[in-house]
Amino acid sequence: MIITVDGPAAAGKGTLSQNLAKKYGLAYFDTGMVYRAIGVMMLHSGRNLSDAVYAERLAGELTFAKMMALAEDKEFRSAKGGEAASIVSSYSGVRRKLLDMQRNFAFKPTFADGTPAKGVIYDGRDTGTVICPQATVKFFITAKPEVRAKRRFDEFAAKGQNTDFETVLKDVKARDERDATRKDAPMKPADDAYILDTSDMGIDEVFQKAVAIIEEKVR
């Protein structure tokens, strides 16, 4: 079984994806990690984030082992890292280099320890439209920008990262604009995706709705 969960930042797709992966015993692939990895590599290099040519070069050198190592970097899940990831993900050359890595995982999914999995949950922006359009079930998870900004702001505060709500909201809206206007793969629901707005929904309610949809679909 292959399930794709797409949507904008802080909509709740990561939490839903991980919960679904646990329930159905599927591998979990956060496709945003590949772009965060390139973003962190760009930050380490000291290059300007607008250097699309260099970003594409780094994308061609990325391996899963390197990506997992970079995931331990302090900037990987920071606001700065997220901004860098959003910028480099808009470069068609970077996306092209990383596309095969993401697509191939569906044909031979594995858990973090390398053991085979019977399927995969993809978590990203275009997994149902570009990476795995043959998915069994597709979701598009969204929420109002202000709600998503508050969630992200609370995450940063819990980690002791200093920022303010207006800055986070501005970043959320800017990322939405970049994601929606990418020329090669704009963020949008797949034609056959189930759309869930989590603005006024708790984690458990979103999960139960998604499970009901999956059960009906596979039945």
N, C-alpha and C. Protein backbone atom coordinates (compact mmCIF):
# COMPACT_ATOMS: atom_id res chain seq x y z
N MET A 1 0.84 -1.20 0.00
CA MET A 1 0.00 0.00 0.00
C MET A 1 0.87 1.24 0.00
N ILE A 2 0.50 2.22 -0.81
CA ILE A 2 1.21 3.48 -0.88
C ILE A 2 0.23 4.60 -0.58
N ILE A 3 0.57 5.44 0.39
CA ILE A 3 -0.28 6.57 0.77
C ILE A 3 0.54 7.85 0.68
N THR A 4 -0.02 8.85 0.02
CA THR A 4 0.67 10.14 -0.07
C THR A 4 -0.09 11.17 0.76
N VAL A 5 0.67 11.99 1.47
CA VAL A 5 0.09 13.04 2.31
C VAL A 5 0.80 14.35 1.97
N ASP A 6 0.12 15.18 1.21
CA ASP A 6 0.70 16.46 0.79
C ASP A 6 0.04 17.63 1.50
N GLY A 7 0.67 18.80 1.38
CA GLY A 7 0.08 19.99 1.96
C GLY A 7 1.14 20.99 2.39
N PRO A 8 0.73 22.18 2.78
CA PRO A 8 1.67 23.23 3.19
C PRO A 8 2.28 22.97 4.57
N ALA A 9 3.26 23.77 4.91
CA ALA A 9 3.97 23.64 6.18
C ALA A 9 3.03 23.80 7.37
N ALA A 10 3.23 22.95 8.39
CA ALA A 10 2.51 23.03 9.67
C ALA A 10 1.01 22.78 9.55
N ALA A 11 0.60 22.07 8.50
CA ALA A 11 -0.82 21.73 8.35
C ALA A 11 -1.18 20.50 9.17
N GLY A 12 -0.16 19.73 9.57
CA GLY A 12 -0.39 18.53 10.35
C GLY A 12 -0.12 17.25 9.58
N LYS A 13 0.45 17.37 8.39
CA LYS A 13 0.66 16.17 7.56
C LYS A 13 1.74 15.26 8.12
N GLY A 14 2.74 15.81 8.78
CA GLY A 14 3.79 14.98 9.34
C GLY A 14 3.27 14.09 10.46
N THR A 15 2.50 14.67 11.37
CA THR A 15 1.93 13.91 12.47
C THR A 15 1.00 12.83 11.95
N LEU A 16 0.13 13.20 11.00
CA LEU A 16 -0.78 12.22 10.41
C LEU A 16 -0.02 11.11 9.72
N SER A 17 0.99 11.46 8.94
CA SER A 17 1.76 10.46 8.20
C SER A 17 2.42 9.45 9.13
N GLN A 18 3.03 9.94 10.20
CA GLN A 18 3.71 9.05 11.13
C GLN A 18 2.72 8.15 11.87
N ASN A 19 1.56 8.70 12.21
CA ASN A 19 0.54 7.89 12.88
C ASN A 19 -0.01 6.81 11.96
N LEU A 20 -0.21 7.15 10.69
CA LEU A 20 -0.69 6.17 9.72
C LEU A 20 0.36 5.10 9.45
N ALA A 21 1.62 5.52 9.38
CA ALA A 21 2.70 4.56 9.15
C ALA A 21 2.76 3.54 10.28
N LYS A 22 2.56 4.01 11.51
CA LYS A 22 2.58 3.12 12.67
C LYS A 22 1.39 2.17 12.65
N LYS A 23 0.21 2.68 12.33
CA LYS A 23 -1.00 1.86 12.33
C LYS A 23 -0.93 0.75 11.28
N TYR A 24 -0.46 1.09 10.09
CA TYR A 24 -0.48 0.12 8.99
C TYR A 24 0.86 -0.58 8.77
N GLY A 25 1.85 -0.28 9.60
CA GLY A 25 3.15 -0.94 9.47
C GLY A 25 3.88 -0.60 8.19
N LEU A 26 3.83 0.67 7.79
CA LEU A 26 4.45 1.11 6.56
C LEU A 26 5.69 1.96 6.84
N ALA A 27 6.59 2.00 5.87
CA ALA A 27 7.76 2.86 5.97
C ALA A 27 7.31 4.31 5.87
N TYR A 28 8.06 5.22 6.46
CA TYR A 28 7.71 6.64 6.44
C TYR A 28 8.82 7.41 5.74
N PHE A 29 8.45 8.16 4.70
CA PHE A 29 9.43 8.94 3.96
C PHE A 29 8.97 10.40 3.94
N ASP A 30 9.65 11.22 4.72
CA ASP A 30 9.42 12.66 4.71
C ASP A 30 10.24 13.24 3.57
N THR A 31 9.60 13.50 2.43
CA THR A 31 10.35 13.95 1.26
C THR A 31 10.95 15.34 1.45
N GLY A 32 10.40 16.10 2.40
CA GLY A 32 10.98 17.41 2.67
C GLY A 32 12.38 17.33 3.22
N MET A 33 12.75 16.15 3.76
CA MET A 33 14.10 15.99 4.31
C MET A 33 15.17 16.17 3.26
N VAL A 34 14.89 15.75 2.02
CA VAL A 34 15.93 15.88 0.99
C VAL A 34 16.22 17.35 0.71
N TYR A 35 15.19 18.17 0.76
CA TYR A 35 15.40 19.60 0.51
C TYR A 35 16.01 20.30 1.72
N ARG A 36 15.62 19.84 2.92
CA ARG A 36 16.26 20.40 4.11
C ARG A 36 17.76 20.06 4.11
N ALA A 37 18.07 18.85 3.64
CA ALA A 37 19.48 18.45 3.58
C ALA A 37 20.26 19.37 2.64
N ILE A 38 19.71 19.64 1.48
CA ILE A 38 20.38 20.54 0.53
C ILE A 38 20.45 21.95 1.11
N GLY A 39 19.37 22.37 1.77
CA GLY A 39 19.36 23.70 2.38
C GLY A 39 20.46 23.85 3.42
N VAL A 40 20.61 22.84 4.28
CA VAL A 40 21.66 22.88 5.31
C VAL A 40 23.04 22.85 4.67
N MET A 41 23.20 22.06 3.63
CA MET A 41 24.49 22.01 2.93
C MET A 41 24.83 23.37 2.33
N MET A 42 23.81 24.06 1.82
CA MET A 42 24.04 25.42 1.27
C MET A 42 24.44 26.38 2.39
N LEU A 43 23.78 26.27 3.54
CA LEU A 43 24.12 27.13 4.67
C LEU A 43 25.55 26.88 5.13
N HIS A 44 25.94 25.61 5.19
CA HIS A 44 27.30 25.25 5.60
C HIS A 44 28.34 25.77 4.60
N SER A 45 27.96 25.79 3.33
CA SER A 45 28.92 26.18 2.29
C SER A 45 29.21 27.68 2.30
N GLY A 46 28.28 28.45 2.87
CA GLY A 46 28.45 29.89 2.87
C GLY A 46 27.99 30.54 1.57
N ARG A 47 27.50 29.72 0.65
CA ARG A 47 27.02 30.25 -0.63
C ARG A 47 25.67 30.94 -0.44
N ASN A 48 25.38 31.87 -1.33
CA ASN A 48 24.07 32.51 -1.31
C ASN A 48 23.02 31.49 -1.72
N LEU A 49 21.89 31.51 -1.04
CA LEU A 49 20.83 30.54 -1.34
C LEU A 49 20.26 30.71 -2.74
N SER A 50 20.56 31.82 -3.39
CA SER A 50 20.09 32.06 -4.76
C SER A 50 20.97 31.36 -5.79
N ASP A 51 22.05 30.72 -5.34
CA ASP A 51 22.98 30.03 -6.25
C ASP A 51 22.39 28.67 -6.63
N ALA A 52 21.50 28.68 -7.62
CA ALA A 52 20.80 27.46 -8.03
C ALA A 52 21.75 26.42 -8.62
N VAL A 53 22.78 26.86 -9.30
CA VAL A 53 23.73 25.94 -9.93
C VAL A 53 24.47 25.12 -8.87
N TYR A 54 24.91 25.79 -7.81
CA TYR A 54 25.63 25.08 -6.76
C TYR A 54 24.68 24.16 -5.99
N ALA A 55 23.45 24.62 -5.78
CA ALA A 55 22.47 23.79 -5.08
C ALA A 55 22.20 22.52 -5.87
N GLU A 56 22.14 22.63 -7.20
CA GLU A 56 21.92 21.45 -8.03
C GLU A 56 23.10 20.48 -7.94
N ARG A 57 24.29 21.03 -7.86
CA ARG A 57 25.48 20.19 -7.71
C ARG A 57 25.42 19.40 -6.41
N LEU A 58 25.03 20.06 -5.33
CA LEU A 58 24.91 19.37 -4.04
C LEU A 58 23.84 18.30 -4.09
N ALA A 59 22.74 18.57 -4.79
CA ALA A 59 21.65 17.60 -4.90
C ALA A 59 22.13 16.34 -5.59
N GLY A 60 23.02 16.50 -6.56
CA GLY A 60 23.54 15.35 -7.27
C GLY A 60 24.46 14.49 -6.41
N GLU A 61 24.96 15.06 -5.33
CA GLU A 61 25.89 14.35 -4.44
C GLU A 61 25.19 13.75 -3.21
N LEU A 62 23.91 14.07 -3.03
CA LEU A 62 23.21 13.64 -1.82
C LEU A 62 22.92 12.14 -1.83
N THR A 63 23.19 11.50 -0.70
CA THR A 63 22.85 10.09 -0.50
C THR A 63 21.94 10.01 0.73
N PHE A 64 21.27 8.87 0.89
CA PHE A 64 20.40 8.71 2.05
C PHE A 64 21.21 8.78 3.35
N ALA A 65 22.41 8.19 3.33
CA ALA A 65 23.26 8.21 4.53
C ALA A 65 23.63 9.65 4.90
N LYS A 66 23.98 10.44 3.89
CA LYS A 66 24.34 11.83 4.14
C LYS A 66 23.13 12.62 4.64
N MET A 67 21.97 12.33 4.06
CA MET A 67 20.75 13.02 4.47
C MET A 67 20.44 12.75 5.95
N MET A 68 20.55 11.50 6.37
CA MET A 68 20.26 11.14 7.75
C MET A 68 21.27 11.76 8.70
N ALA A 69 22.51 11.88 8.27
CA ALA A 69 23.54 12.52 9.10
C ALA A 69 23.24 14.01 9.26
N LEU A 70 22.82 14.64 8.17
CA LEU A 70 22.50 16.07 8.22
C LEU A 70 21.26 16.34 9.07
N ALA A 71 20.41 15.33 9.21
CA ALA A 71 19.19 15.49 10.01
C ALA A 71 19.51 15.77 11.48
N GLU A 72 20.74 15.48 11.90
CA GLU A 72 21.16 15.73 13.28
C GLU A 72 21.66 17.16 13.47
N ASP A 73 21.81 17.90 12.37
CA ASP A 73 22.31 19.27 12.44
C ASP A 73 21.28 20.18 13.11
N LYS A 74 21.72 21.12 13.91
CA LYS A 74 20.81 22.00 14.65
C LYS A 74 19.94 22.85 13.73
N GLU A 75 20.42 23.11 12.51
CA GLU A 75 19.65 23.94 11.59
C GLU A 75 18.62 23.15 10.79
N PHE A 76 18.68 21.82 10.87
CA PHE A 76 17.86 20.99 10.00
C PHE A 76 16.36 21.26 10.19
N ARG A 77 15.92 21.40 11.44
CA ARG A 77 14.50 21.65 11.71
C ARG A 77 14.24 23.07 12.21
N SER A 78 15.19 23.95 12.05
CA SER A 78 15.03 25.32 12.50
C SER A 78 14.28 26.14 11.46
N ALA A 79 13.88 27.35 11.85
CA ALA A 79 13.21 28.25 10.90
C ALA A 79 14.14 28.59 9.74
N LYS A 80 15.42 28.77 10.06
CA LYS A 80 16.41 29.09 9.03
C LYS A 80 16.57 27.93 8.06
N GLY A 81 16.59 26.72 8.60
CA GLY A 81 16.71 25.54 7.75
C GLY A 81 15.48 25.35 6.88
N GLY A 82 14.30 25.63 7.44
CA GLY A 82 13.06 25.50 6.68
C GLY A 82 13.01 26.50 5.54
N GLU A 83 13.46 27.72 5.80
CA GLU A 83 13.49 28.74 4.77
C GLU A 83 14.44 28.34 3.64
N ALA A 84 15.62 27.82 4.02
CA ALA A 84 16.59 27.40 3.02
C ALA A 84 16.04 26.25 2.17
N ALA A 85 15.35 25.31 2.84
CA ALA A 85 14.77 24.16 2.13
C ALA A 85 13.73 24.62 1.13
N SER A 86 12.90 25.57 1.53
CA SER A 86 11.85 26.07 0.65
C SER A 86 12.45 26.75 -0.59
N ILE A 87 13.52 27.48 -0.38
CA ILE A 87 14.17 28.19 -1.50
C ILE A 87 14.80 27.20 -2.48
N VAL A 88 15.58 26.26 -1.99
CA VAL A 88 16.27 25.34 -2.91
C VAL A 88 15.29 24.39 -3.60
N SER A 89 14.15 24.11 -2.94
CA SER A 89 13.17 23.21 -3.54
C SER A 89 12.47 23.84 -4.74
N SER A 90 12.61 25.15 -4.90
CA SER A 90 11.98 25.84 -6.03
C SER A 90 12.83 25.75 -7.30
N TYR A 91 14.06 25.24 -7.18
CA TYR A 91 14.96 25.13 -8.33
C TYR A 91 14.69 23.84 -9.08
N SER A 92 14.33 23.94 -10.34
CA SER A 92 13.97 22.75 -11.12
C SER A 92 15.13 21.76 -11.21
N GLY A 93 16.36 22.26 -11.28
CA GLY A 93 17.52 21.38 -11.36
C GLY A 93 17.69 20.54 -10.11
N VAL A 94 17.45 21.14 -8.95
CA VAL A 94 17.53 20.43 -7.68
C VAL A 94 16.45 19.37 -7.62
N ARG A 95 15.25 19.74 -7.98
CA ARG A 95 14.12 18.81 -7.93
C ARG A 95 14.36 17.62 -8.87
N ARG A 96 14.90 17.89 -10.03
CA ARG A 96 15.17 16.83 -11.00
C ARG A 96 16.19 15.83 -10.46
N LYS A 97 17.23 16.34 -9.82
CA LYS A 97 18.28 15.47 -9.27
C LYS A 97 17.74 14.57 -8.15
N LEU A 98 16.80 15.08 -7.39
CA LEU A 98 16.32 14.34 -6.23
C LEU A 98 15.08 13.49 -6.51
N LEU A 99 14.47 13.68 -7.66
CA LEU A 99 13.21 13.00 -7.96
C LEU A 99 13.35 11.48 -8.00
N ASP A 100 14.37 10.98 -8.66
CA ASP A 100 14.55 9.53 -8.76
C ASP A 100 14.72 8.88 -7.40
N MET A 101 15.48 9.54 -6.52
CA MET A 101 15.71 9.01 -5.18
C MET A 101 14.38 8.80 -4.47
N GLN A 102 13.50 9.77 -4.62
CA GLN A 102 12.21 9.70 -3.94
C GLN A 102 11.27 8.69 -4.60
N ARG A 103 11.24 8.67 -5.91
CA ARG A 103 10.35 7.74 -6.62
C ARG A 103 10.72 6.28 -6.40
N ASN A 104 12.01 6.00 -6.44
CA ASN A 104 12.46 4.61 -6.34
C ASN A 104 12.12 3.97 -5.00
N PHE A 105 11.96 4.79 -3.98
CA PHE A 105 11.66 4.25 -2.65
C PHE A 105 10.34 3.48 -2.66
N ALA A 106 9.40 3.87 -3.50
CA ALA A 106 8.10 3.20 -3.55
C ALA A 106 8.21 1.76 -4.04
N PHE A 107 9.23 1.47 -4.85
CA PHE A 107 9.39 0.13 -5.40
C PHE A 107 10.12 -0.81 -4.44
N LYS A 108 10.87 -0.23 -3.51
CA LYS A 108 11.58 -1.06 -2.54
C LYS A 108 11.66 -0.31 -1.20
N PRO A 109 10.51 -0.13 -0.56
CA PRO A 109 10.50 0.62 0.70
C PRO A 109 11.16 -0.14 1.84
N THR A 110 11.84 0.57 2.70
CA THR A 110 12.49 -0.05 3.86
C THR A 110 12.27 0.84 5.08
N PHE A 111 12.37 0.20 6.25
CA PHE A 111 12.31 0.96 7.49
C PHE A 111 13.68 1.57 7.75
N ALA A 112 13.78 2.37 8.80
CA ALA A 112 15.03 3.06 9.11
C ALA A 112 16.19 2.10 9.33
N ASP A 113 15.88 0.88 9.82
CA ASP A 113 16.95 -0.09 10.08
C ASP A 113 17.31 -0.92 8.84
N GLY A 114 16.67 -0.62 7.71
CA GLY A 114 17.00 -1.31 6.48
C GLY A 114 16.15 -2.52 6.16
N THR A 115 15.26 -2.91 7.07
CA THR A 115 14.41 -4.08 6.81
C THR A 115 13.30 -3.68 5.84
N PRO A 116 12.85 -4.63 5.00
CA PRO A 116 11.82 -4.33 4.00
C PRO A 116 10.48 -3.97 4.64
N ALA A 117 9.75 -3.09 3.98
CA ALA A 117 8.41 -2.71 4.42
C ALA A 117 7.42 -3.10 3.33
N LYS A 118 6.16 -3.28 3.72
CA LYS A 118 5.13 -3.70 2.76
C LYS A 118 4.49 -2.52 2.03
N GLY A 119 4.97 -1.34 2.33
CA GLY A 119 4.44 -0.15 1.68
C GLY A 119 5.06 1.09 2.27
N VAL A 120 4.59 2.25 1.85
CA VAL A 120 5.21 3.50 2.29
C VAL A 120 4.17 4.61 2.43
N ILE A 121 4.41 5.47 3.41
CA ILE A 121 3.67 6.72 3.56
C ILE A 121 4.60 7.83 3.10
N TYR A 122 4.21 8.55 2.05
CA TYR A 122 4.98 9.70 1.59
C TYR A 122 4.40 10.97 2.21
N ASP A 123 5.26 11.80 2.75
CA ASP A 123 4.88 13.06 3.38
C ASP A 123 5.61 14.18 2.64
N GLY A 124 4.86 15.07 1.98
CA GLY A 124 5.54 16.13 1.25
C GLY A 124 4.64 17.19 0.66
N ARG A 125 5.06 17.74 -0.48
CA ARG A 125 4.32 18.80 -1.16
C ARG A 125 3.70 18.31 -2.47
N ASP A 126 4.37 17.37 -3.15
CA ASP A 126 3.89 16.93 -4.46
C ASP A 126 4.00 15.42 -4.62
N THR A 127 3.87 14.69 -3.53
CA THR A 127 4.05 13.24 -3.60
C THR A 127 2.91 12.56 -4.35
N GLY A 128 1.71 13.12 -4.25
CA GLY A 128 0.57 12.51 -4.94
C GLY A 128 0.43 12.93 -6.38
N THR A 129 1.08 14.04 -6.75
CA THR A 129 0.97 14.55 -8.12
C THR A 129 2.18 14.23 -8.97
N VAL A 130 3.36 14.17 -8.36
CA VAL A 130 4.60 13.99 -9.12
C VAL A 130 5.38 12.74 -8.73
N ILE A 131 5.65 12.58 -7.44
CA ILE A 131 6.52 11.50 -6.99
C ILE A 131 5.86 10.13 -7.11
N CYS A 132 4.62 10.04 -6.66
CA CYS A 132 3.94 8.74 -6.68
C CYS A 132 2.46 8.87 -7.06
N PRO A 133 2.20 9.26 -8.31
CA PRO A 133 0.81 9.44 -8.73
C PRO A 133 0.00 8.15 -8.75
N GLN A 134 0.68 7.00 -8.63
CA GLN A 134 -0.01 5.70 -8.62
C GLN A 134 -0.40 5.28 -7.22
N ALA A 135 -0.28 6.15 -6.24
CA ALA A 135 -0.56 5.82 -4.84
C ALA A 135 -1.97 5.27 -4.64
N THR A 136 -2.09 4.40 -3.66
CA THR A 136 -3.38 3.78 -3.33
C THR A 136 -4.37 4.82 -2.83
N VAL A 137 -3.92 5.67 -1.90
CA VAL A 137 -4.75 6.72 -1.32
C VAL A 137 -3.92 8.01 -1.26
N LYS A 138 -4.56 9.12 -1.60
CA LYS A 138 -3.87 10.41 -1.57
C LYS A 138 -4.63 11.40 -0.69
N PHE A 139 -3.87 12.09 0.16
CA PHE A 139 -4.46 13.12 1.00
C PHE A 139 -3.79 14.47 0.71
N PHE A 140 -4.55 15.54 0.89
CA PHE A 140 -3.99 16.88 0.88
C PHE A 140 -4.46 17.54 2.17
N ILE A 141 -3.51 17.80 3.08
CA ILE A 141 -3.81 18.35 4.40
C ILE A 141 -3.50 19.84 4.41
N THR A 142 -4.46 20.64 4.82
CA THR A 142 -4.24 22.09 4.83
C THR A 142 -4.83 22.71 6.09
N ALA A 143 -4.59 24.01 6.27
CA ALA A 143 -5.15 24.77 7.40
C ALA A 143 -4.90 26.24 7.09
N LYS A 144 -5.62 27.11 7.77
CA LYS A 144 -5.44 28.55 7.56
C LYS A 144 -4.00 28.95 7.90
N PRO A 145 -3.43 29.93 7.16
CA PRO A 145 -2.05 30.38 7.42
C PRO A 145 -1.81 30.77 8.87
N GLU A 146 -2.77 31.48 9.47
CA GLU A 146 -2.60 31.93 10.86
C GLU A 146 -2.54 30.75 11.83
N VAL A 147 -3.32 29.74 11.56
CA VAL A 147 -3.31 28.54 12.41
C VAL A 147 -1.98 27.81 12.27
N ARG A 148 -1.52 27.68 11.05
CA ARG A 148 -0.25 26.99 10.82
C ARG A 148 0.93 27.76 11.39
N ALA A 149 0.87 29.08 11.31
CA ALA A 149 1.94 29.91 11.86
C ALA A 149 1.99 29.78 13.38
N LYS A 150 0.81 29.71 14.01
CA LYS A 150 0.77 29.55 15.48
C LYS A 150 1.36 28.20 15.88
N ARG A 151 1.06 27.15 15.13
CA ARG A 151 1.61 25.84 15.43
C ARG A 151 3.13 25.86 15.30
N ARG A 152 3.63 26.48 14.23
CA ARG A 152 5.07 26.53 14.02
C ARG A 152 5.74 27.40 15.08
N PHE A 153 5.12 28.51 15.42
CA PHE A 153 5.65 29.40 16.46
C PHE A 153 5.77 28.65 17.79
N ASP A 154 4.75 27.86 18.14
CA ASP A 154 4.78 27.10 19.38
C ASP A 154 5.89 26.05 19.36
N GLU A 155 6.12 25.45 18.20
CA GLU A 155 7.20 24.46 18.06
C GLU A 155 8.55 25.11 18.33
N PHE A 156 8.77 26.27 17.73
CA PHE A 156 10.04 26.97 17.92
C PHE A 156 10.23 27.39 19.37
N ALA A 157 9.15 27.86 19.99
CA ALA A 157 9.22 28.30 21.38
C ALA A 157 9.56 27.12 22.29
N ALA A 158 8.97 25.95 22.01
CA ALA A 158 9.22 24.76 22.82
C ALA A 158 10.68 24.32 22.71
N LYS A 159 11.30 24.62 21.59
CA LYS A 159 12.70 24.26 21.38
C LYS A 159 13.66 25.36 21.83
N GLY A 160 13.10 26.46 22.34
CA GLY A 160 13.94 27.55 22.81
C GLY A 160 14.49 28.42 21.71
N GLN A 161 13.89 28.35 20.53
CA GLN A 161 14.34 29.15 19.40
C GLN A 161 13.59 30.48 19.40
N ASN A 162 14.36 31.57 19.46
CA ASN A 162 13.77 32.89 19.57
C ASN A 162 13.25 33.39 18.22
N THR A 163 11.98 33.73 18.18
CA THR A 163 11.37 34.33 16.99
C THR A 163 10.07 34.98 17.44
N ASP A 164 9.36 35.61 16.53
CA ASP A 164 8.08 36.21 16.89
C ASP A 164 7.03 35.74 15.90
N PHE A 165 5.77 35.82 16.30
CA PHE A 165 4.67 35.27 15.52
C PHE A 165 4.59 35.89 14.13
N GLU A 166 4.72 37.22 14.04
CA GLU A 166 4.58 37.89 12.75
C GLU A 166 5.65 37.43 11.75
N THR A 167 6.84 37.18 12.26
CA THR A 167 7.92 36.69 11.40
C THR A 167 7.60 35.30 10.89
N VAL A 168 7.09 34.45 11.77
CA VAL A 168 6.73 33.09 11.39
C VAL A 168 5.59 33.11 10.37
N LEU A 169 4.59 33.96 10.61
CA LEU A 169 3.45 34.06 9.69
C LEU A 169 3.91 34.54 8.31
N LYS A 170 4.80 35.49 8.30
CA LYS A 170 5.33 36.00 7.03
C LYS A 170 6.06 34.89 6.28
N ASP A 171 6.83 34.09 7.02
CA ASP A 171 7.57 32.98 6.41
C ASP A 171 6.61 31.93 5.86
N VAL A 172 5.56 31.61 6.61
CA VAL A 172 4.57 30.62 6.17
C VAL A 172 3.92 31.07 4.86
N LYS A 173 3.52 32.33 4.79
CA LYS A 173 2.87 32.85 3.59
C LYS A 173 3.84 32.88 2.41
N ALA A 174 5.11 33.23 2.68
CA ALA A 174 6.10 33.28 1.61
C ALA A 174 6.36 31.88 1.06
N ARG A 175 6.43 30.88 1.95
CA ARG A 175 6.64 29.50 1.51
C ARG A 175 5.45 29.01 0.70
N ASP A 176 4.26 29.36 1.13
CA ASP A 176 3.06 28.97 0.39
C ASP A 176 3.11 29.52 -1.03
N GLU A 177 3.51 30.78 -1.15
CA GLU A 177 3.58 31.42 -2.46
C GLU A 177 4.60 30.73 -3.35
N ARG A 178 5.79 30.43 -2.79
CA ARG A 178 6.82 29.75 -3.59
C ARG A 178 6.35 28.36 -4.00
N ASP A 179 5.77 27.63 -3.05
CA ASP A 179 5.33 26.27 -3.33
C ASP A 179 4.22 26.23 -4.39
N ALA A 180 3.34 27.22 -4.35
CA ALA A 180 2.19 27.23 -5.26
C ALA A 180 2.54 27.72 -6.65
N THR A 181 3.67 28.41 -6.78
CA THR A 181 4.03 28.99 -8.08
C THR A 181 5.25 28.34 -8.73
N ARG A 182 5.71 27.22 -8.18
CA ARG A 182 6.81 26.51 -8.84
C ARG A 182 6.37 26.12 -10.25
N LYS A 183 7.24 26.30 -11.22
CA LYS A 183 6.88 26.04 -12.61
C LYS A 183 6.72 24.55 -12.90
N ASP A 184 7.61 23.72 -12.34
CA ASP A 184 7.60 22.30 -12.73
C ASP A 184 6.66 21.45 -11.87
N ALA A 185 6.47 21.82 -10.60
CA ALA A 185 5.64 20.98 -9.73
C ALA A 185 5.00 21.84 -8.64
N PRO A 186 4.04 22.67 -9.00
CA PRO A 186 3.40 23.52 -7.98
C PRO A 186 2.63 22.68 -6.97
N MET A 187 2.62 23.15 -5.72
CA MET A 187 1.89 22.43 -4.68
C MET A 187 0.39 22.59 -4.91
N LYS A 188 -0.27 21.48 -5.10
CA LYS A 188 -1.72 21.48 -5.28
C LYS A 188 -2.23 20.07 -5.02
N PRO A 189 -3.51 19.93 -4.68
CA PRO A 189 -4.04 18.59 -4.45
C PRO A 189 -4.08 17.80 -5.76
N ALA A 190 -3.82 16.50 -5.68
CA ALA A 190 -4.01 15.64 -6.84
C ALA A 190 -5.51 15.62 -7.13
N ASP A 191 -5.88 15.35 -8.37
CA ASP A 191 -7.29 15.35 -8.75
C ASP A 191 -8.11 14.36 -7.92
N ASP A 192 -7.46 13.27 -7.51
CA ASP A 192 -8.16 12.24 -6.74
C ASP A 192 -7.78 12.24 -5.26
N ALA A 193 -7.25 13.37 -4.78
CA ALA A 193 -6.86 13.46 -3.36
C ALA A 193 -8.05 13.80 -2.47
N TYR A 194 -8.00 13.31 -1.25
CA TYR A 194 -8.98 13.67 -0.23
C TYR A 194 -8.42 14.88 0.52
N ILE A 195 -9.18 15.97 0.54
CA ILE A 195 -8.72 17.20 1.17
C ILE A 195 -9.27 17.32 2.59
N LEU A 196 -8.34 17.50 3.55
CA LEU A 196 -8.73 17.66 4.96
C LEU A 196 -8.19 18.99 5.47
N ASP A 197 -9.09 19.86 5.92
CA ASP A 197 -8.71 21.14 6.52
C ASP A 197 -8.65 20.94 8.03
N THR A 198 -7.47 21.06 8.59
CA THR A 198 -7.27 20.77 10.02
C THR A 198 -7.34 22.01 10.91
N SER A 199 -7.78 23.14 10.36
CA SER A 199 -7.81 24.39 11.13
C SER A 199 -8.53 24.24 12.46
N ASP A 200 -9.64 23.51 12.45
CA ASP A 200 -10.45 23.36 13.66
C ASP A 200 -10.56 21.90 14.09
N MET A 201 -9.54 21.12 13.75
CA MET A 201 -9.55 19.70 14.08
C MET A 201 -8.36 19.32 14.93
N GLY A 202 -8.58 18.42 15.89
CA GLY A 202 -7.49 17.92 16.71
C GLY A 202 -6.79 16.78 16.00
N ILE A 203 -5.63 16.37 16.53
CA ILE A 203 -4.82 15.31 15.92
C ILE A 203 -5.60 14.02 15.77
N ASP A 204 -6.33 13.63 16.82
CA ASP A 204 -7.05 12.36 16.79
C ASP A 204 -8.20 12.40 15.78
N GLU A 205 -8.88 13.53 15.68
CA GLU A 205 -9.99 13.65 14.72
C GLU A 205 -9.48 13.52 13.29
N VAL A 206 -8.36 14.17 13.00
CA VAL A 206 -7.77 14.08 11.65
C VAL A 206 -7.40 12.64 11.35
N PHE A 207 -6.78 11.99 12.33
CA PHE A 207 -6.35 10.60 12.16
C PHE A 207 -7.54 9.68 11.89
N GLN A 208 -8.59 9.82 12.66
CA GLN A 208 -9.76 8.96 12.50
C GLN A 208 -10.44 9.18 11.15
N LYS A 209 -10.50 10.40 10.68
CA LYS A 209 -11.07 10.69 9.37
C LYS A 209 -10.24 10.04 8.27
N ALA A 210 -8.91 10.14 8.40
CA ALA A 210 -8.02 9.56 7.40
C ALA A 210 -8.13 8.04 7.38
N VAL A 211 -8.19 7.43 8.55
CA VAL A 211 -8.32 5.97 8.64
C VAL A 211 -9.62 5.52 8.00
N ALA A 212 -10.70 6.23 8.25
CA ALA A 212 -12.00 5.87 7.66
C ALA A 212 -11.94 5.91 6.14
N ILE A 213 -11.25 6.91 5.62
CA ILE A 213 -11.11 7.04 4.17
C ILE A 213 -10.29 5.89 3.60
N ILE A 214 -9.18 5.57 4.28
CA ILE A 214 -8.31 4.48 3.81
C ILE A 214 -9.06 3.15 3.83
N GLU A 215 -9.75 2.88 4.92
CA GLU A 215 -10.47 1.61 5.06
C GLU A 215 -11.53 1.47 3.96
N GLU A 216 -12.21 2.57 3.66
CA GLU A 216 -13.24 2.53 2.62
C GLU A 216 -12.59 2.35 1.25
N LYS A 217 -11.47 3.01 1.03
CA LYS A 217 -10.79 2.94 -0.26
C LYS A 217 -10.26 1.54 -0.53
N VAL A 218 -9.58 0.95 0.42
CA VAL A 218 -8.97 -0.37 0.20
C VAL A 218 -10.03 -1.48 0.20
N ARG A 219 -11.18 -1.22 0.82
CA ARG A 219 -12.24 -2.22 0.82
C ARG A 219 -12.88 -2.33 -0.58
